Protein backbone atom coordinates (compact mmCIF):
# COMPACT_ATOMS: atom_id res chain seq x y z
CA MET A 1 56.72 43.10 2.86
CA VAL A 2 54.25 45.90 2.53
CA ASN A 3 52.90 47.25 -0.59
CA GLN A 4 51.27 50.54 0.72
CA LYS A 5 48.98 52.39 -1.74
CA ILE A 6 49.47 56.18 -0.81
CA GLU A 7 47.81 58.98 -2.57
CA TYR A 8 49.36 62.35 -2.58
CA VAL A 9 49.57 65.68 -3.89
CA SER A 10 52.72 66.12 -6.07
CA LEU A 11 55.03 69.40 -6.14
CA ASP A 12 52.94 70.81 -9.22
CA GLY A 13 49.67 70.41 -7.02
CA GLU A 14 48.49 67.52 -9.23
CA SER A 15 46.27 64.51 -7.26
CA CYS A 16 48.77 61.36 -7.66
CA SER A 17 48.34 57.45 -6.25
CA GLY A 18 51.06 55.26 -5.90
CA ILE A 19 52.15 52.03 -4.64
CA PHE A 20 55.32 52.00 -2.39
CA SER A 21 57.09 48.87 -1.45
CA PHE A 22 58.46 48.47 2.25
CA ASN A 23 60.40 45.83 3.87
CA LEU A 24 62.68 44.89 6.49
CA SER A 25 65.28 42.75 6.70
CA LYS A 26 66.51 40.82 9.57
CA GLN A 27 69.56 43.16 8.84
CA ASP A 28 67.52 46.57 9.12
CA PHE A 29 65.31 45.04 12.03
CA VAL A 30 69.17 44.26 14.23
CA ARG A 31 70.01 47.19 13.60
CA LEU A 32 67.20 49.43 14.76
CA GLN A 33 66.96 47.26 17.70
CA LEU A 34 70.61 48.06 18.91
CA LYS A 35 69.43 51.77 17.83
CA TYR A 36 66.89 51.83 20.22
CA GLN A 37 67.71 50.88 23.49
CA PRO A 38 66.47 48.62 25.10
CA GLY A 39 64.70 47.53 21.95
CA ILE A 40 62.13 48.90 19.34
CA LEU A 41 59.12 47.75 21.42
CA GLU A 42 60.36 48.82 24.39
CA THR A 43 61.25 52.42 23.45
CA CYS A 44 57.95 52.58 21.45
CA GLN A 45 56.01 51.63 25.07
CA ALA A 46 58.23 53.97 26.70
CA MET A 47 57.69 56.64 24.00
CA GLU A 48 53.62 56.41 24.44
CA ALA A 49 54.03 56.18 28.17
CA ASP A 50 55.61 59.52 28.02
CA LYS A 51 53.48 61.01 25.36
CA ASN A 52 57.03 61.62 23.52
CA ILE A 53 55.57 62.21 20.25
CA VAL A 54 58.64 63.63 18.54
CA GLY A 55 60.81 60.46 19.53
CA ALA A 56 57.78 58.39 18.10
CA TYR A 57 57.84 60.51 14.94
CA ASP A 58 61.89 60.06 14.61
CA LEU A 59 61.40 56.20 15.22
CA LEU A 60 58.64 55.72 13.05
CA ALA A 61 60.73 57.97 10.28
CA ASP A 62 63.92 55.79 10.51
CA LEU A 63 61.52 52.90 10.12
CA ILE A 64 60.10 53.74 6.96
CA GLU A 65 63.82 54.68 5.71
CA SER A 66 65.35 51.62 6.44
CA ALA A 67 62.33 49.27 5.04
CA TYR A 68 61.78 51.43 1.53
CA GLY A 69 62.77 50.03 -1.78
CA VAL A 70 61.79 48.01 -4.78
CA ARG A 71 61.26 44.10 -5.36
CA GLU A 72 62.71 42.92 -8.07
CA GLY A 73 62.48 39.06 -8.13
CA ASP A 74 63.61 37.25 -5.00
CA LEU A 75 65.22 40.00 -3.95
CA PHE A 76 64.46 43.47 -2.29
CA VAL A 77 66.57 46.23 -3.17
CA LYS A 78 67.49 49.34 -0.84
CA ASN A 79 69.33 52.28 -1.99
CA ARG A 80 73.18 51.98 -1.23
CA THR A 81 75.96 53.99 -1.43
CA ALA A 82 78.66 53.29 -3.17
CA PHE A 83 82.28 55.11 -3.85
CA GLY A 84 80.35 58.39 -2.18
CA ARG A 85 77.71 58.28 -4.75
CA ASP A 86 73.72 56.41 -4.39
CA SER A 87 73.88 53.39 -6.47
CA ARG A 88 70.32 53.52 -6.92
CA PRO A 89 69.10 57.14 -7.10
CA ASP A 90 65.67 56.01 -7.58
CA LEU A 91 65.56 54.83 -4.15
CA ALA A 92 67.38 57.76 -2.21
CA ASN A 93 65.35 60.19 -0.18
CA PHE A 94 62.54 58.65 -0.04
CA LYS A 95 61.67 61.19 3.10
CA PHE A 96 61.58 64.02 0.59
CA HIS A 97 59.01 62.34 -1.42
CA PRO A 98 55.45 63.93 -0.87
CA ALA A 99 54.17 60.44 -0.63
CA PHE A 100 56.45 60.40 2.58
CA ASP A 101 54.78 63.08 4.04
CA GLU A 102 51.05 61.41 3.43
CA LEU A 103 52.26 58.01 4.82
CA MET A 104 53.65 59.36 8.06
CA VAL A 105 50.51 61.07 8.64
CA MET A 106 48.63 57.89 8.01
CA LEU A 107 50.40 56.17 10.37
CA MET A 108 51.29 58.31 13.36
CA SER A 109 47.20 58.74 12.94
CA ASP A 110 46.21 55.36 13.07
CA THR A 111 47.34 53.05 15.50
CA PRO A 112 45.80 50.22 14.08
CA MET A 113 47.15 50.67 10.77
CA LEU A 114 50.57 51.54 12.09
CA LEU A 115 50.83 48.25 14.05
CA ASP A 116 49.90 46.23 11.14
CA PHE A 117 52.29 48.14 8.80
CA PHE A 118 55.38 47.46 11.36
CA ARG A 119 54.30 43.99 11.83
CA ASN A 120 53.94 43.25 7.94
CA LEU A 121 57.38 44.37 7.28
CA THR A 122 58.91 41.13 7.76
CA ASN A 123 57.79 38.18 5.81
CA VAL A 124 56.99 36.17 8.92
CA LYS A 125 53.69 36.36 10.28
CA MET A 126 53.31 36.71 13.98
CA THR A 127 51.04 37.17 17.02
CA ASP A 128 52.12 40.26 19.37
CA GLU A 129 53.48 37.67 21.44
CA GLU A 130 55.71 36.34 18.72
CA PHE A 131 56.70 39.45 17.77
CA GLU A 132 57.93 40.63 21.08
CA LEU A 133 59.79 37.14 21.49
CA PHE A 134 61.24 37.50 17.95
CA ALA A 135 62.38 40.91 18.53
CA LYS A 136 64.31 40.34 21.90
CA LYS A 137 65.16 36.88 20.39
CA VAL A 138 67.05 39.04 17.47
CA LYS A 139 68.62 41.56 20.00
CA ASP A 140 70.01 38.90 22.15
CA GLU A 141 71.78 37.06 19.08
CA ALA A 142 72.90 40.93 18.06
CA LEU A 143 74.15 41.01 21.27
CA VAL A 144 76.15 38.01 21.40
CA THR A 145 77.84 37.93 17.89
CA ALA A 146 78.74 41.62 18.30
CA PRO A 147 82.37 42.21 18.40
CA ALA A 148 83.69 43.10 21.70
CA GLU A 149 84.65 46.52 22.14
CA ILE A 150 88.17 47.29 21.68
CA PRO A 151 90.03 48.94 25.14
CA GLU A 152 91.38 51.90 24.50
CA LYS A 153 95.27 52.05 24.16
CA THR A 154 96.79 53.26 27.04
CA GLU A 155 100.37 54.73 27.02
CA ASP A 156 103.23 53.35 29.46
CA ILE A 157 104.99 56.11 31.06
């Protein structure tokens, strides 16, 4: 879990500061691993090699949106939609908060900070090598436990 102090300018032009919390659950990590094939780390490396800044920005924005929430005791609560409505409006749409802009600028301009932020989103401390092995293991487990694709129905003539 990361508690990040972010200084930003409010919509009223006032300087503000706040502590924002981010945590990436195993479920969130699996979703991101499956979304960014062949995996988050491999996708990041390919984007870096291709100098794909737009792709890197989108991946980072997705990561931050997936991780944003509040700690309530032993729980880390994120916004969820129930019956078409936000169940926690206070957690909805962080990407529109001025602090989101500042965090994106901070992370996109400081690679060591970005790596530290990403690594600390989970509650397991790891070296780079351990993190890569964990990412691969989670992805492999998700692929093994994912439901098989349902074949398309063919009509007999």
